Amino acid sequence: MRLSDLPKGAPAVVDRVDDALADDPIAQRLRDLGFVTGEPVRVVARGPLGADPLLIQIGSTRFALRRSEAARVTVRTGDHA
């Protein structure tokens, strides 16, 4: 499941960050910020009516991400988390 599709408040862990293109600087920045395999993550809040941004918590840090950025992150939920 993509982080951009994760329901608000649902617990998950990062599976991977996908590059949208070769040497994707946004994907690399997400990895640098801590979006790495096994890290707990959740959506804290969403923009009005499904708009940007998403407020994401990873560990004890919160980030505002665009949906297109959050879509680069694959997460595992439920029994797979």
N, C-alpha and C. Protein backbone atom coordinates (compact mmCIF):
# COMPACT_ATOMS: atom_id res chain seq x y z
N MET A 1 0.85 -1.17 0.00
CA MET A 1 0.00 0.00 0.00
C MET A 1 0.90 1.24 0.00
N ARG A 2 0.45 2.25 -0.69
CA ARG A 2 1.18 3.53 -0.72
C ARG A 2 0.84 4.35 0.52
N LEU A 3 1.82 5.08 1.03
CA LEU A 3 1.59 5.95 2.18
C LEU A 3 0.49 6.96 1.89
N SER A 4 0.38 7.41 0.67
CA SER A 4 -0.66 8.38 0.30
C SER A 4 -2.07 7.79 0.42
N ASP A 5 -2.19 6.44 0.42
CA ASP A 5 -3.49 5.77 0.54
C ASP A 5 -3.77 5.25 1.95
N LEU A 6 -2.82 5.37 2.84
CA LEU A 6 -2.97 4.85 4.21
C LEU A 6 -4.05 5.64 4.94
N PRO A 7 -5.02 4.95 5.56
CA PRO A 7 -6.05 5.67 6.32
C PRO A 7 -5.44 6.45 7.49
N LYS A 8 -6.04 7.57 7.80
CA LYS A 8 -5.59 8.40 8.91
C LYS A 8 -5.56 7.58 10.19
N GLY A 9 -4.43 7.63 10.90
CA GLY A 9 -4.27 6.96 12.19
C GLY A 9 -3.90 5.50 12.13
N ALA A 10 -3.94 4.87 10.96
CA ALA A 10 -3.63 3.44 10.85
C ALA A 10 -2.14 3.21 11.04
N PRO A 11 -1.76 2.26 11.90
CA PRO A 11 -0.34 1.97 12.09
C PRO A 11 0.23 1.24 10.88
N ALA A 12 1.45 1.57 10.53
CA ALA A 12 2.13 0.92 9.41
C ALA A 12 3.63 1.04 9.62
N VAL A 13 4.36 0.32 8.81
CA VAL A 13 5.82 0.47 8.77
C VAL A 13 6.24 0.67 7.33
N VAL A 14 7.33 1.39 7.15
CA VAL A 14 7.86 1.65 5.82
C VAL A 14 8.41 0.34 5.25
N ASP A 15 8.02 0.02 4.03
CA ASP A 15 8.56 -1.13 3.32
C ASP A 15 9.71 -0.68 2.42
N ARG A 16 9.46 0.39 1.64
CA ARG A 16 10.52 0.92 0.77
C ARG A 16 10.09 2.30 0.23
N VAL A 17 11.07 3.01 -0.33
CA VAL A 17 10.81 4.26 -1.04
C VAL A 17 11.18 4.02 -2.49
N ASP A 18 10.23 4.24 -3.39
CA ASP A 18 10.45 4.01 -4.82
C ASP A 18 10.88 5.30 -5.51
N ASP A 19 11.84 5.17 -6.42
CA ASP A 19 12.27 6.30 -7.23
C ASP A 19 11.30 6.47 -8.40
N ALA A 20 10.78 7.68 -8.60
CA ALA A 20 9.88 7.96 -9.71
C ALA A 20 10.65 8.03 -11.02
N LEU A 21 11.94 8.35 -10.94
CA LEU A 21 12.83 8.40 -12.09
C LEU A 21 14.23 8.09 -11.61
N ALA A 22 15.16 7.90 -12.51
CA ALA A 22 16.53 7.59 -12.12
C ALA A 22 17.10 8.71 -11.25
N ASP A 23 17.75 8.31 -10.16
CA ASP A 23 18.35 9.28 -9.23
C ASP A 23 17.34 10.32 -8.77
N ASP A 24 16.16 9.87 -8.35
CA ASP A 24 15.07 10.73 -7.91
C ASP A 24 15.47 11.49 -6.65
N PRO A 25 15.63 12.83 -6.72
CA PRO A 25 16.07 13.59 -5.55
C PRO A 25 15.02 13.61 -4.42
N ILE A 26 13.74 13.55 -4.77
CA ILE A 26 12.71 13.55 -3.73
C ILE A 26 12.73 12.24 -2.98
N ALA A 27 12.84 11.12 -3.69
CA ALA A 27 12.92 9.81 -3.03
C ALA A 27 14.16 9.74 -2.14
N GLN A 28 15.28 10.26 -2.60
CA GLN A 28 16.50 10.25 -1.79
C GLN A 28 16.33 11.12 -0.55
N ARG A 29 15.68 12.25 -0.69
CA ARG A 29 15.44 13.14 0.46
C ARG A 29 14.55 12.45 1.48
N LEU A 30 13.52 11.73 1.02
CA LEU A 30 12.66 10.98 1.95
C LEU A 30 13.49 9.95 2.72
N ARG A 31 14.37 9.25 2.05
CA ARG A 31 15.24 8.28 2.74
C ARG A 31 16.12 8.99 3.77
N ASP A 32 16.68 10.13 3.38
CA ASP A 32 17.54 10.91 4.28
C ASP A 32 16.77 11.38 5.52
N LEU A 33 15.46 11.65 5.36
CA LEU A 33 14.63 12.11 6.47
C LEU A 33 14.21 10.98 7.41
N GLY A 34 14.47 9.73 7.02
CA GLY A 34 14.16 8.61 7.90
C GLY A 34 13.11 7.65 7.38
N PHE A 35 12.65 7.84 6.15
CA PHE A 35 11.69 6.91 5.55
C PHE A 35 12.47 5.70 5.04
N VAL A 36 12.81 4.80 5.98
CA VAL A 36 13.61 3.62 5.67
C VAL A 36 12.86 2.37 6.13
N THR A 37 13.20 1.24 5.54
CA THR A 37 12.54 -0.02 5.82
C THR A 37 12.45 -0.29 7.32
N GLY A 38 11.23 -0.62 7.77
CA GLY A 38 11.00 -1.00 9.16
C GLY A 38 10.62 0.14 10.09
N GLU A 39 10.69 1.38 9.61
CA GLU A 39 10.36 2.54 10.46
C GLU A 39 8.84 2.67 10.61
N PRO A 40 8.34 2.81 11.85
CA PRO A 40 6.89 3.02 12.05
C PRO A 40 6.46 4.36 11.45
N VAL A 41 5.28 4.37 10.84
CA VAL A 41 4.78 5.58 10.18
C VAL A 41 3.26 5.60 10.28
N ARG A 42 2.69 6.81 10.30
CA ARG A 42 1.23 6.94 10.26
C ARG A 42 0.86 8.30 9.71
N VAL A 43 -0.35 8.37 9.15
CA VAL A 43 -0.89 9.63 8.66
C VAL A 43 -1.62 10.28 9.84
N VAL A 44 -1.20 11.46 10.22
CA VAL A 44 -1.79 12.18 11.35
C VAL A 44 -2.99 13.01 10.90
N ALA A 45 -2.87 13.65 9.74
CA ALA A 45 -3.95 14.51 9.23
C ALA A 45 -3.83 14.60 7.72
N ARG A 46 -4.96 14.95 7.10
CA ARG A 46 -5.02 15.13 5.65
C ARG A 46 -5.56 16.52 5.35
N GLY A 47 -5.17 17.06 4.21
CA GLY A 47 -5.70 18.34 3.76
C GLY A 47 -7.20 18.23 3.55
N PRO A 48 -7.89 19.36 3.45
CA PRO A 48 -9.34 19.33 3.28
C PRO A 48 -9.77 18.64 1.99
N LEU A 49 -10.79 17.79 2.09
CA LEU A 49 -11.37 17.08 0.95
C LEU A 49 -10.33 16.33 0.13
N GLY A 50 -9.39 15.70 0.82
CA GLY A 50 -8.39 14.88 0.13
C GLY A 50 -7.29 15.66 -0.56
N ALA A 51 -7.16 16.93 -0.24
CA ALA A 51 -6.13 17.76 -0.88
C ALA A 51 -4.80 17.63 -0.14
N ASP A 52 -3.76 18.25 -0.72
CA ASP A 52 -2.46 18.31 -0.06
C ASP A 52 -2.54 19.30 1.09
N PRO A 53 -1.69 19.23 2.08
CA PRO A 53 -0.69 18.20 2.30
C PRO A 53 -1.21 17.08 3.20
N LEU A 54 -0.37 16.07 3.37
CA LEU A 54 -0.60 15.03 4.37
C LEU A 54 0.38 15.30 5.51
N LEU A 55 -0.09 15.19 6.75
CA LEU A 55 0.80 15.30 7.89
C LEU A 55 1.18 13.88 8.28
N ILE A 56 2.45 13.56 8.16
CA ILE A 56 2.96 12.21 8.37
C ILE A 56 3.86 12.20 9.60
N GLN A 57 3.68 11.18 10.44
CA GLN A 57 4.59 11.02 11.57
C GLN A 57 5.42 9.77 11.34
N ILE A 58 6.74 9.94 11.44
CA ILE A 58 7.66 8.82 11.35
C ILE A 58 8.56 8.91 12.57
N GLY A 59 8.51 7.87 13.40
CA GLY A 59 9.17 7.95 14.69
C GLY A 59 8.49 9.04 15.51
N SER A 60 9.26 9.99 16.03
CA SER A 60 8.68 11.08 16.81
C SER A 60 8.65 12.39 16.02
N THR A 61 8.94 12.33 14.72
CA THR A 61 9.01 13.52 13.88
C THR A 61 7.83 13.57 12.92
N ARG A 62 7.32 14.77 12.68
CA ARG A 62 6.21 14.96 11.76
C ARG A 62 6.65 15.76 10.55
N PHE A 63 6.12 15.36 9.38
CA PHE A 63 6.44 16.02 8.12
C PHE A 63 5.15 16.29 7.36
N ALA A 64 5.10 17.41 6.67
CA ALA A 64 4.01 17.68 5.73
C ALA A 64 4.51 17.27 4.35
N LEU A 65 3.81 16.33 3.71
CA LEU A 65 4.19 15.84 2.39
C LEU A 65 3.06 16.05 1.40
N ARG A 66 3.40 16.30 0.16
CA ARG A 66 2.42 16.28 -0.91
C ARG A 66 2.04 14.83 -1.16
N ARG A 67 0.85 14.62 -1.70
CA ARG A 67 0.42 13.25 -2.03
C ARG A 67 1.40 12.57 -2.99
N SER A 68 1.92 13.32 -3.95
CA SER A 68 2.85 12.75 -4.93
C SER A 68 4.14 12.28 -4.25
N GLU A 69 4.55 12.97 -3.19
CA GLU A 69 5.73 12.54 -2.44
C GLU A 69 5.42 11.31 -1.61
N ALA A 70 4.28 11.33 -0.92
CA ALA A 70 3.88 10.19 -0.09
C ALA A 70 3.64 8.93 -0.93
N ALA A 71 3.26 9.11 -2.19
CA ALA A 71 3.02 7.96 -3.07
C ALA A 71 4.29 7.20 -3.40
N ARG A 72 5.44 7.81 -3.17
CA ARG A 72 6.72 7.11 -3.40
C ARG A 72 7.03 6.10 -2.29
N VAL A 73 6.33 6.21 -1.16
CA VAL A 73 6.61 5.36 0.01
C VAL A 73 5.62 4.21 0.05
N THR A 74 6.12 2.98 0.03
CA THR A 74 5.29 1.78 0.18
C THR A 74 5.35 1.36 1.64
N VAL A 75 4.17 1.07 2.23
CA VAL A 75 4.10 0.70 3.63
C VAL A 75 3.41 -0.65 3.79
N ARG A 76 3.66 -1.29 4.94
CA ARG A 76 2.97 -2.52 5.31
C ARG A 76 2.08 -2.21 6.50
N THR A 77 0.89 -2.78 6.51
CA THR A 77 -0.07 -2.54 7.58
C THR A 77 -0.51 -3.85 8.20
N GLY A 78 -1.27 -3.75 9.30
CA GLY A 78 -1.91 -4.91 9.92
C GLY A 78 -0.94 -6.01 10.27
N ASP A 79 -1.25 -7.24 9.84
CA ASP A 79 -0.44 -8.40 10.16
C ASP A 79 0.95 -8.33 9.53
N HIS A 80 1.08 -7.46 8.52
CA HIS A 80 2.36 -7.37 7.82
C HIS A 80 3.26 -6.28 8.38
N ALA A 81 2.73 -5.51 9.34
CA ALA A 81 3.50 -4.39 9.90
C ALA A 81 4.48 -4.87 10.95
